[in-house]
């Protein structure tokens, strides 16, 4: 089996992304691979609404310079990674990248540019609209130049003991104590 040399972990800085980060760190440490942590900044963060003297006369807006948007996103990513520095310290080479643009397109572009051997993502649970339109993880999986490992939180298990008997036979089994 081919050893991994570079792993890409895209993150949206949410709690669900922590699971993918942990798996990516573990895989990178096991294979002594480089880890690239990617955050795609939101284009909407480039706009700032303000009004003069706090009076609502009209809404004037101006875009932030792109370097400020990227600097803010880089700072957010650094804050997000701080609690996980002990996991990152076991990796030979860990880098972070912040880009601006469409999330799916940027993940695919960075994966190709970095020549990633694996992308580790953590999608959220299905919602009706995302199920119909397809989420970011689904689009990346379809279009990716490398394999994609999708890590989700396990669903809570339901108690099953004793239920299979009634499902299989339609009645509860009798024991020797019940008969005699």
N, C-alpha and C. Protein backbone atom coordinates (compact mmCIF):
# COMPACT_ATOMS: atom_id res chain seq x y z
N UNK A 1 0.83 -1.18 0.00
CA UNK A 1 0.00 0.00 0.00
C UNK A 1 0.88 1.25 0.00
N UNK A 2 0.48 2.22 -0.75
CA UNK A 2 1.24 3.46 -0.87
C UNK A 2 1.19 4.24 0.44
N UNK A 3 2.33 4.73 0.86
CA UNK A 3 2.38 5.54 2.08
C UNK A 3 1.96 6.96 1.76
N UNK A 4 1.32 7.58 2.69
CA UNK A 4 0.86 8.95 2.52
C UNK A 4 2.03 9.90 2.76
N UNK A 5 2.18 10.88 1.89
CA UNK A 5 3.23 11.86 2.10
C UNK A 5 2.67 13.23 2.43
N UNK A 6 1.43 13.51 2.01
CA UNK A 6 0.82 14.80 2.31
C UNK A 6 -0.69 14.63 2.50
N UNK A 7 -1.21 15.14 3.61
CA UNK A 7 -2.63 15.03 3.95
C UNK A 7 -3.19 16.44 4.06
N UNK A 8 -4.33 16.65 3.42
CA UNK A 8 -5.01 17.94 3.47
C UNK A 8 -6.24 17.82 4.37
N UNK A 9 -6.35 18.73 5.34
CA UNK A 9 -7.51 18.75 6.24
C UNK A 9 -8.16 20.13 6.13
N UNK A 10 -9.25 20.24 5.34
CA UNK A 10 -9.98 21.50 5.29
C UNK A 10 -10.82 21.66 6.55
N UNK A 11 -10.91 22.87 7.06
CA UNK A 11 -11.70 23.12 8.25
C UNK A 11 -12.55 24.38 8.09
N UNK A 12 -13.74 24.34 8.69
CA UNK A 12 -14.58 25.53 8.73
C UNK A 12 -14.58 26.14 10.13
N UNK A 13 -13.65 25.71 10.96
CA UNK A 13 -13.45 26.21 12.32
C UNK A 13 -14.60 25.85 13.25
N UNK A 14 -15.34 24.81 12.93
CA UNK A 14 -16.46 24.39 13.77
C UNK A 14 -16.06 23.18 14.61
N UNK A 15 -16.92 22.82 15.54
CA UNK A 15 -16.66 21.66 16.40
C UNK A 15 -16.61 20.36 15.60
N UNK A 16 -17.44 20.27 14.56
CA UNK A 16 -17.44 19.04 13.76
C UNK A 16 -16.12 18.85 13.00
N UNK A 17 -15.41 19.92 12.73
CA UNK A 17 -14.13 19.83 12.03
C UNK A 17 -13.01 19.29 12.91
N UNK A 18 -13.19 19.35 14.21
CA UNK A 18 -12.15 18.88 15.13
C UNK A 18 -11.90 17.39 14.92
N UNK A 19 -12.95 16.63 14.67
CA UNK A 19 -12.82 15.18 14.46
C UNK A 19 -11.92 14.90 13.25
N UNK A 20 -12.10 15.61 12.16
CA UNK A 20 -11.26 15.43 10.97
C UNK A 20 -9.82 15.85 11.26
N UNK A 21 -9.65 16.91 12.04
CA UNK A 21 -8.31 17.37 12.40
C UNK A 21 -7.59 16.29 13.22
N UNK A 22 -8.28 15.68 14.16
CA UNK A 22 -7.67 14.63 14.98
C UNK A 22 -7.28 13.42 14.13
N UNK A 23 -8.17 13.01 13.23
CA UNK A 23 -7.84 11.88 12.34
C UNK A 23 -6.69 12.22 11.42
N UNK A 24 -6.69 13.44 10.88
CA UNK A 24 -5.60 13.87 10.01
C UNK A 24 -4.27 13.88 10.74
N UNK A 25 -4.26 14.37 11.99
CA UNK A 25 -3.04 14.38 12.80
C UNK A 25 -2.57 12.96 13.07
N UNK A 26 -3.48 12.07 13.40
CA UNK A 26 -3.12 10.68 13.68
C UNK A 26 -2.52 10.00 12.45
N UNK A 27 -3.18 10.17 11.29
CA UNK A 27 -2.67 9.57 10.06
C UNK A 27 -1.30 10.14 9.68
N UNK A 28 -1.15 11.46 9.83
CA UNK A 28 0.13 12.09 9.49
C UNK A 28 1.24 11.61 10.41
N UNK A 29 0.94 11.43 11.69
CA UNK A 29 1.94 10.94 12.62
C UNK A 29 2.30 9.48 12.32
N UNK A 30 1.32 8.67 11.98
CA UNK A 30 1.56 7.26 11.69
C UNK A 30 2.44 7.08 10.45
N UNK A 31 2.15 7.84 9.38
CA UNK A 31 2.87 7.70 8.12
C UNK A 31 4.02 8.70 7.98
N UNK A 32 4.24 9.52 9.02
CA UNK A 32 5.26 10.57 8.96
C UNK A 32 5.04 11.46 7.74
N UNK A 33 3.78 11.82 7.55
CA UNK A 33 3.38 12.64 6.39
C UNK A 33 3.26 14.11 6.80
N UNK A 34 3.32 14.97 5.82
CA UNK A 34 3.09 16.39 6.04
C UNK A 34 1.59 16.64 6.12
N UNK A 35 1.20 17.59 6.95
CA UNK A 35 -0.21 17.92 7.14
C UNK A 35 -0.44 19.36 6.72
N UNK A 36 -1.43 19.58 5.86
CA UNK A 36 -1.80 20.93 5.44
C UNK A 36 -3.21 21.18 5.96
N UNK A 37 -3.35 22.20 6.81
CA UNK A 37 -4.66 22.56 7.36
C UNK A 37 -5.14 23.78 6.59
N UNK A 38 -6.29 23.62 5.95
CA UNK A 38 -6.80 24.65 5.05
C UNK A 38 -8.07 25.26 5.61
N UNK A 39 -8.14 26.58 5.56
CA UNK A 39 -9.37 27.29 5.90
C UNK A 39 -9.71 28.20 4.73
N UNK A 40 -10.93 28.07 4.22
CA UNK A 40 -11.38 28.92 3.12
C UNK A 40 -12.19 30.05 3.72
N UNK A 41 -11.69 31.26 3.62
CA UNK A 41 -12.36 32.43 4.19
C UNK A 41 -13.61 32.75 3.38
N UNK A 42 -14.58 33.28 4.05
CA UNK A 42 -15.86 33.60 3.45
C UNK A 42 -15.80 34.96 2.77
N UNK A 43 -16.31 35.03 1.56
CA UNK A 43 -16.32 36.30 0.83
C UNK A 43 -17.18 37.35 1.53
N UNK A 44 -18.20 36.92 2.26
CA UNK A 44 -19.09 37.87 2.93
C UNK A 44 -18.40 38.60 4.07
N UNK A 45 -17.33 38.02 4.61
CA UNK A 45 -16.58 38.69 5.67
C UNK A 45 -15.82 39.90 5.13
N UNK A 46 -15.78 40.07 3.83
CA UNK A 46 -15.05 41.19 3.23
C UNK A 46 -15.88 42.47 3.20
N UNK A 47 -17.09 42.44 3.74
CA UNK A 47 -17.95 43.63 3.73
C UNK A 47 -18.23 44.05 5.16
N UNK A 48 -18.15 45.34 5.40
CA UNK A 48 -18.39 45.89 6.72
C UNK A 48 -19.52 46.92 6.61
N UNK A 49 -20.56 46.72 7.40
CA UNK A 49 -21.65 47.69 7.41
C UNK A 49 -21.41 48.69 8.54
N UNK A 50 -21.62 49.96 8.27
CA UNK A 50 -21.44 50.97 9.29
C UNK A 50 -22.40 52.12 9.01
N UNK A 51 -22.66 52.92 10.01
CA UNK A 51 -23.45 54.14 9.82
C UNK A 51 -22.83 55.25 10.66
N UNK A 52 -22.97 56.46 10.22
CA UNK A 52 -22.36 57.59 10.91
C UNK A 52 -23.15 57.96 12.15
N UNK A 53 -22.45 58.26 13.22
CA UNK A 53 -23.04 58.72 14.48
C UNK A 53 -24.13 57.80 15.01
N UNK A 54 -24.05 56.53 14.66
CA UNK A 54 -25.01 55.52 15.10
C UNK A 54 -26.45 55.86 14.73
N UNK A 55 -26.65 56.75 13.81
CA UNK A 55 -27.99 57.09 13.35
C UNK A 55 -28.29 56.26 12.11
N UNK A 56 -29.46 55.69 12.10
CA UNK A 56 -29.81 54.85 10.95
C UNK A 56 -30.48 55.75 9.91
N UNK A 57 -29.65 56.34 9.10
CA UNK A 57 -30.12 57.19 8.02
C UNK A 57 -30.12 56.41 6.73
N UNK A 58 -29.09 55.66 6.54
CA UNK A 58 -28.94 54.83 5.35
C UNK A 58 -27.80 53.87 5.60
N UNK A 59 -27.79 52.83 4.89
CA UNK A 59 -26.72 51.85 5.06
C UNK A 59 -25.65 52.08 4.00
N UNK A 60 -24.51 52.47 4.46
CA UNK A 60 -23.36 52.59 3.58
C UNK A 60 -22.46 51.40 3.88
N UNK A 61 -21.89 50.84 2.87
CA UNK A 61 -20.99 49.71 3.10
C UNK A 61 -19.75 49.87 2.26
N UNK A 62 -18.68 49.32 2.78
CA UNK A 62 -17.42 49.35 2.04
C UNK A 62 -16.74 48.00 2.22
N UNK A 63 -16.06 47.53 1.22
CA UNK A 63 -15.37 46.23 1.36
C UNK A 63 -14.07 46.40 2.12
N UNK A 64 -13.72 45.38 2.89
CA UNK A 64 -12.42 45.34 3.53
C UNK A 64 -11.38 45.02 2.47
N UNK A 65 -10.16 45.46 2.66
CA UNK A 65 -9.09 45.01 1.76
C UNK A 65 -8.92 43.49 1.91
N UNK A 66 -8.60 42.82 0.83
CA UNK A 66 -8.47 41.36 0.86
C UNK A 66 -7.40 40.89 1.82
N UNK A 67 -6.31 41.65 1.95
CA UNK A 67 -5.28 41.23 2.88
C UNK A 67 -5.77 41.25 4.32
N UNK A 68 -6.69 42.17 4.65
CA UNK A 68 -7.26 42.20 6.00
C UNK A 68 -8.17 41.00 6.23
N UNK A 69 -8.96 40.64 5.24
CA UNK A 69 -9.84 39.47 5.35
C UNK A 69 -9.02 38.21 5.57
N UNK A 70 -7.96 38.06 4.79
CA UNK A 70 -7.10 36.88 4.93
C UNK A 70 -6.36 36.88 6.26
N UNK A 71 -5.94 38.06 6.74
CA UNK A 71 -5.25 38.15 8.03
C UNK A 71 -6.21 37.78 9.17
N UNK A 72 -7.44 38.26 9.11
CA UNK A 72 -8.43 37.91 10.13
C UNK A 72 -8.73 36.41 10.12
N UNK A 73 -8.87 35.84 8.93
CA UNK A 73 -9.14 34.40 8.82
C UNK A 73 -7.95 33.59 9.32
N UNK A 74 -6.74 34.05 9.07
CA UNK A 74 -5.55 33.36 9.55
C UNK A 74 -5.48 33.42 11.07
N UNK A 75 -5.85 34.54 11.64
CA UNK A 75 -5.90 34.67 13.10
C UNK A 75 -6.95 33.73 13.69
N UNK A 76 -8.11 33.65 13.05
CA UNK A 76 -9.17 32.74 13.51
C UNK A 76 -8.69 31.29 13.46
N UNK A 77 -7.97 30.92 12.39
CA UNK A 77 -7.45 29.56 12.27
C UNK A 77 -6.41 29.28 13.35
N UNK A 78 -5.57 30.24 13.65
CA UNK A 78 -4.57 30.06 14.70
C UNK A 78 -5.25 29.84 16.05
N UNK A 79 -6.28 30.64 16.35
CA UNK A 79 -7.02 30.45 17.60
C UNK A 79 -7.70 29.09 17.64
N UNK A 80 -8.21 28.64 16.52
CA UNK A 80 -8.86 27.34 16.44
C UNK A 80 -7.88 26.20 16.70
N UNK A 81 -6.64 26.35 16.23
CA UNK A 81 -5.64 25.29 16.36
C UNK A 81 -4.93 25.27 17.72
N UNK A 82 -4.99 26.36 18.48
CA UNK A 82 -4.28 26.43 19.76
C UNK A 82 -4.57 25.27 20.70
N UNK A 83 -5.84 24.87 20.91
CA UNK A 83 -6.08 23.75 21.83
C UNK A 83 -5.54 22.41 21.33
N UNK A 84 -5.15 22.33 20.07
CA UNK A 84 -4.72 21.06 19.47
C UNK A 84 -3.22 21.04 19.17
N UNK A 85 -2.47 21.95 19.76
CA UNK A 85 -1.03 22.03 19.48
C UNK A 85 -0.29 20.76 19.91
N UNK A 86 -0.76 20.09 20.96
CA UNK A 86 -0.07 18.86 21.39
C UNK A 86 -0.19 17.77 20.32
N UNK A 87 -1.33 17.68 19.63
CA UNK A 87 -1.47 16.71 18.54
C UNK A 87 -0.63 17.11 17.34
N UNK A 88 -0.56 18.39 17.07
CA UNK A 88 0.21 18.88 15.92
C UNK A 88 1.72 18.75 16.14
N UNK A 89 2.15 18.71 17.39
CA UNK A 89 3.59 18.63 17.66
C UNK A 89 4.19 17.28 17.29
N UNK A 90 3.35 16.25 17.15
CA UNK A 90 3.87 14.92 16.79
C UNK A 90 4.01 14.72 15.28
N UNK A 91 3.69 15.74 14.51
CA UNK A 91 3.72 15.64 13.05
C UNK A 91 5.02 16.28 12.54
N UNK A 92 5.68 15.61 11.59
CA UNK A 92 6.95 16.16 11.09
C UNK A 92 6.82 17.55 10.47
N UNK A 93 5.76 17.77 9.70
CA UNK A 93 5.59 19.07 9.04
C UNK A 93 4.10 19.39 8.98
N UNK A 94 3.71 20.44 9.68
CA UNK A 94 2.31 20.89 9.65
C UNK A 94 2.29 22.35 9.22
N UNK A 95 1.50 22.64 8.19
CA UNK A 95 1.37 24.01 7.71
C UNK A 95 -0.10 24.37 7.67
N UNK A 96 -0.35 25.66 7.70
CA UNK A 96 -1.73 26.12 7.57
C UNK A 96 -1.82 27.07 6.38
N UNK A 97 -2.97 26.99 5.72
CA UNK A 97 -3.20 27.86 4.56
C UNK A 97 -4.58 28.47 4.68
N UNK A 98 -4.68 29.72 4.30
CA UNK A 98 -5.95 30.43 4.27
C UNK A 98 -6.11 31.00 2.88
N UNK A 99 -7.24 30.69 2.26
CA UNK A 99 -7.53 31.20 0.92
C UNK A 99 -8.93 31.79 0.92
N UNK A 100 -9.22 32.54 -0.10
CA UNK A 100 -10.51 33.20 -0.23
C UNK A 100 -11.18 32.71 -1.51
N UNK A 101 -12.46 32.37 -1.43
CA UNK A 101 -13.18 31.95 -2.62
C UNK A 101 -14.23 30.90 -2.32
N UNK A 102 -14.65 30.22 -3.37
CA UNK A 102 -15.63 29.16 -3.24
C UNK A 102 -15.00 27.98 -2.50
N UNK A 103 -15.69 27.47 -1.49
CA UNK A 103 -15.11 26.45 -0.62
C UNK A 103 -14.71 25.20 -1.41
N UNK A 104 -15.63 24.65 -2.17
CA UNK A 104 -15.33 23.42 -2.92
C UNK A 104 -14.20 23.63 -3.91
N UNK A 105 -14.26 24.69 -4.69
CA UNK A 105 -13.23 24.95 -5.69
C UNK A 105 -11.86 25.18 -5.06
N UNK A 106 -11.83 25.87 -3.93
CA UNK A 106 -10.55 26.13 -3.28
C UNK A 106 -9.95 24.87 -2.66
N UNK A 107 -10.80 24.02 -2.09
CA UNK A 107 -10.28 22.75 -1.53
C UNK A 107 -9.67 21.91 -2.65
N UNK A 108 -10.38 21.82 -3.77
CA UNK A 108 -9.87 21.04 -4.89
C UNK A 108 -8.59 21.65 -5.47
N UNK A 109 -8.53 22.97 -5.56
CA UNK A 109 -7.34 23.63 -6.10
C UNK A 109 -6.13 23.43 -5.19
N UNK A 110 -6.34 23.55 -3.89
CA UNK A 110 -5.22 23.38 -2.95
C UNK A 110 -4.78 21.92 -2.94
N UNK A 111 -5.72 20.99 -3.02
CA UNK A 111 -5.36 19.56 -3.05
C UNK A 111 -4.48 19.26 -4.26
N UNK A 112 -4.83 19.83 -5.40
CA UNK A 112 -4.04 19.60 -6.60
C UNK A 112 -2.69 20.33 -6.53
N UNK A 113 -2.72 21.55 -6.05
CA UNK A 113 -1.49 22.35 -5.95
C UNK A 113 -0.49 21.74 -4.96
N UNK A 114 -1.00 21.24 -3.84
CA UNK A 114 -0.14 20.65 -2.81
C UNK A 114 0.20 19.19 -3.11
N UNK A 115 -0.43 18.63 -4.14
CA UNK A 115 -0.28 17.21 -4.48
C UNK A 115 -0.59 16.32 -3.27
N UNK A 116 -1.76 16.58 -2.69
CA UNK A 116 -2.20 15.83 -1.50
C UNK A 116 -2.51 14.39 -1.88
N UNK A 117 -2.14 13.47 -0.99
CA UNK A 117 -2.45 12.06 -1.19
C UNK A 117 -3.81 11.70 -0.61
N UNK A 118 -4.32 12.53 0.31
CA UNK A 118 -5.57 12.25 0.99
C UNK A 118 -6.16 13.56 1.50
N UNK A 119 -7.49 13.65 1.42
CA UNK A 119 -8.22 14.77 2.02
C UNK A 119 -9.06 14.17 3.14
N UNK A 120 -8.97 14.75 4.34
CA UNK A 120 -9.76 14.28 5.47
C UNK A 120 -10.76 15.38 5.82
N UNK A 121 -12.05 15.04 5.72
CA UNK A 121 -13.12 16.01 5.98
C UNK A 121 -14.11 15.45 6.99
N UNK A 122 -14.81 16.34 7.64
CA UNK A 122 -15.83 15.95 8.60
C UNK A 122 -17.13 16.67 8.28
N UNK A 123 -18.01 16.01 7.53
CA UNK A 123 -19.26 16.66 7.15
C UNK A 123 -20.25 16.67 8.31
N UNK A 124 -21.22 17.56 8.23
CA UNK A 124 -22.30 17.56 9.21
C UNK A 124 -23.32 16.50 8.83
N UNK A 125 -24.24 16.25 9.74
CA UNK A 125 -25.31 15.30 9.44
C UNK A 125 -26.21 15.87 8.36
N UNK A 126 -26.85 14.99 7.62
CA UNK A 126 -27.70 15.40 6.49
C UNK A 126 -28.88 16.24 6.93
N UNK A 127 -29.11 17.27 6.18
CA UNK A 127 -30.32 18.07 6.33
C UNK A 127 -31.04 17.97 4.99
N UNK A 128 -32.31 18.20 5.00
CA UNK A 128 -33.13 17.97 3.80
C UNK A 128 -32.61 18.74 2.59
N UNK A 129 -32.35 20.02 2.74
CA UNK A 129 -31.93 20.83 1.60
C UNK A 129 -30.53 20.44 1.13
N UNK A 130 -29.59 20.22 2.07
CA UNK A 130 -28.24 19.83 1.67
C UNK A 130 -28.24 18.45 1.04
N UNK A 131 -29.17 17.59 1.48
CA UNK A 131 -29.24 16.25 0.90
C UNK A 131 -29.63 16.34 -0.57
N UNK A 132 -30.52 17.25 -0.90
CA UNK A 132 -30.95 17.41 -2.29
C UNK A 132 -29.89 18.11 -3.13
N UNK A 133 -29.26 19.14 -2.57
CA UNK A 133 -28.29 19.92 -3.33
C UNK A 133 -26.88 19.34 -3.27
N UNK A 134 -26.58 18.59 -2.24
CA UNK A 134 -25.23 18.04 -2.07
C UNK A 134 -24.37 19.01 -1.29
N UNK A 135 -23.72 18.52 -0.26
CA UNK A 135 -22.87 19.36 0.57
C UNK A 135 -21.47 19.49 0.00
N UNK A 136 -20.64 20.24 0.70
CA UNK A 136 -19.27 20.47 0.27
C UNK A 136 -18.51 19.16 0.21
N UNK A 137 -18.65 18.31 1.24
CA UNK A 137 -17.93 17.04 1.27
C UNK A 137 -18.31 16.16 0.09
N UNK A 138 -19.58 16.13 -0.24
CA UNK A 138 -20.04 15.31 -1.37
C UNK A 138 -19.46 15.81 -2.69
N UNK A 139 -19.43 17.12 -2.88
CA UNK A 139 -18.87 17.68 -4.13
C UNK A 139 -17.37 17.45 -4.21
N UNK A 140 -16.67 17.63 -3.08
CA UNK A 140 -15.22 17.39 -3.06
C UNK A 140 -14.93 15.93 -3.37
N UNK A 141 -15.73 15.02 -2.79
CA UNK A 141 -15.53 13.59 -3.02
C UNK A 141 -15.69 13.25 -4.50
N UNK A 142 -16.67 13.84 -5.15
CA UNK A 142 -16.90 13.54 -6.57
C UNK A 142 -15.82 14.11 -7.48
N UNK A 143 -15.25 15.26 -7.13
CA UNK A 143 -14.35 15.96 -8.05
C UNK A 143 -12.88 15.92 -7.63
N UNK A 144 -12.57 15.30 -6.53
CA UNK A 144 -11.22 15.35 -5.97
C UNK A 144 -10.20 14.59 -6.81
N UNK A 145 -8.96 15.13 -6.88
CA UNK A 145 -7.88 14.42 -7.58
C UNK A 145 -7.26 13.31 -6.73
N UNK A 146 -7.69 13.18 -5.46
CA UNK A 146 -7.16 12.14 -4.56
C UNK A 146 -8.30 11.59 -3.70
N UNK A 147 -8.06 10.51 -2.98
CA UNK A 147 -9.11 9.95 -2.12
C UNK A 147 -9.53 10.93 -1.02
N UNK A 148 -10.80 10.81 -0.61
CA UNK A 148 -11.35 11.65 0.44
C UNK A 148 -11.84 10.75 1.56
N UNK A 149 -11.38 11.01 2.77
CA UNK A 149 -11.83 10.27 3.95
C UNK A 149 -12.82 11.16 4.68
N UNK A 150 -14.06 10.69 4.78
CA UNK A 150 -15.12 11.44 5.42
C UNK A 150 -15.35 10.88 6.82
N UNK A 151 -15.11 11.69 7.83
CA UNK A 151 -15.21 11.28 9.23
C UNK A 151 -16.43 11.96 9.85
N UNK A 152 -17.40 11.15 10.28
CA UNK A 152 -18.57 11.71 10.96
C UNK A 152 -18.64 11.19 12.39
N UNK A 153 -19.35 11.90 13.19
CA UNK A 153 -19.56 11.48 14.56
C UNK A 153 -20.49 10.27 14.54
N UNK A 154 -20.20 9.25 15.31
CA UNK A 154 -21.08 8.08 15.30
C UNK A 154 -22.45 8.42 15.89
N UNK A 155 -23.47 7.80 15.33
CA UNK A 155 -24.81 7.96 15.87
C UNK A 155 -24.91 7.19 17.17
N UNK A 156 -25.71 7.69 18.11
CA UNK A 156 -25.86 6.92 19.35
C UNK A 156 -26.54 5.59 19.06
N UNK A 157 -26.05 4.55 19.70
CA UNK A 157 -26.62 3.23 19.45
C UNK A 157 -27.88 3.05 20.27
N UNK A 158 -28.81 2.29 19.73
CA UNK A 158 -30.07 2.01 20.40
C UNK A 158 -29.95 0.65 21.08
N UNK A 159 -30.55 0.50 22.24
CA UNK A 159 -30.49 -0.81 22.88
C UNK A 159 -31.23 -1.84 22.04
N UNK A 160 -30.60 -2.98 21.83
CA UNK A 160 -31.20 -3.99 20.96
C UNK A 160 -31.41 -5.32 21.66
N UNK A 161 -30.83 -5.49 22.80
CA UNK A 161 -30.92 -6.78 23.47
C UNK A 161 -32.37 -7.17 23.72
N UNK A 162 -32.71 -8.38 23.34
CA UNK A 162 -34.03 -8.91 23.57
C UNK A 162 -35.04 -8.57 22.50
N UNK A 163 -34.74 -7.58 21.67
CA UNK A 163 -35.70 -7.18 20.65
C UNK A 163 -35.64 -8.08 19.42
N UNK A 164 -34.51 -8.74 19.20
CA UNK A 164 -34.40 -9.57 18.01
C UNK A 164 -35.28 -10.82 18.10
N UNK A 165 -35.48 -11.34 19.31
CA UNK A 165 -36.32 -12.53 19.46
C UNK A 165 -37.74 -12.24 19.00
N UNK A 166 -38.29 -11.14 19.48
CA UNK A 166 -39.67 -10.84 19.11
C UNK A 166 -39.78 -10.44 17.65
N UNK A 167 -38.71 -9.86 17.10
CA UNK A 167 -38.74 -9.51 15.68
C UNK A 167 -38.66 -10.75 14.80
N UNK A 168 -37.86 -11.73 15.20
CA UNK A 168 -37.68 -12.93 14.40
C UNK A 168 -38.85 -13.91 14.53
N UNK A 169 -39.35 -14.08 15.74
CA UNK A 169 -40.35 -15.12 15.97
C UNK A 169 -41.75 -14.59 16.24
N UNK A 170 -41.88 -13.34 16.54
CA UNK A 170 -43.20 -12.76 16.75
C UNK A 170 -43.74 -12.95 18.15
N UNK A 171 -43.09 -13.72 19.00
CA UNK A 171 -43.53 -13.90 20.39
C UNK A 171 -42.29 -14.07 21.26
N UNK A 172 -42.44 -13.78 22.54
CA UNK A 172 -41.29 -14.01 23.43
C UNK A 172 -41.09 -15.50 23.68
N UNK A 173 -39.86 -15.92 23.79
CA UNK A 173 -39.54 -17.33 24.04
C UNK A 173 -39.88 -17.72 25.46
N UNK A 174 -40.28 -18.95 25.61
CA UNK A 174 -40.55 -19.47 26.95
C UNK A 174 -39.31 -20.20 27.46
N UNK A 175 -39.08 -20.06 28.75
CA UNK A 175 -37.98 -20.79 29.37
C UNK A 175 -38.55 -21.97 30.15
N UNK A 176 -37.69 -22.83 30.64
CA UNK A 176 -38.13 -24.02 31.40
C UNK A 176 -38.85 -23.61 32.68
N UNK A 177 -38.48 -22.49 33.26
CA UNK A 177 -39.14 -22.02 34.49
C UNK A 177 -40.58 -21.60 34.22
N UNK A 178 -40.83 -21.04 32.99
CA UNK A 178 -42.18 -20.61 32.63
C UNK A 178 -43.11 -21.79 32.42
N UNK A 179 -42.59 -22.92 31.91
CA UNK A 179 -43.41 -24.09 31.57
C UNK A 179 -43.77 -24.85 32.85
N UNK A 180 -42.86 -25.10 33.72
CA UNK A 180 -43.05 -25.97 34.87
C UNK A 180 -43.52 -25.28 36.06
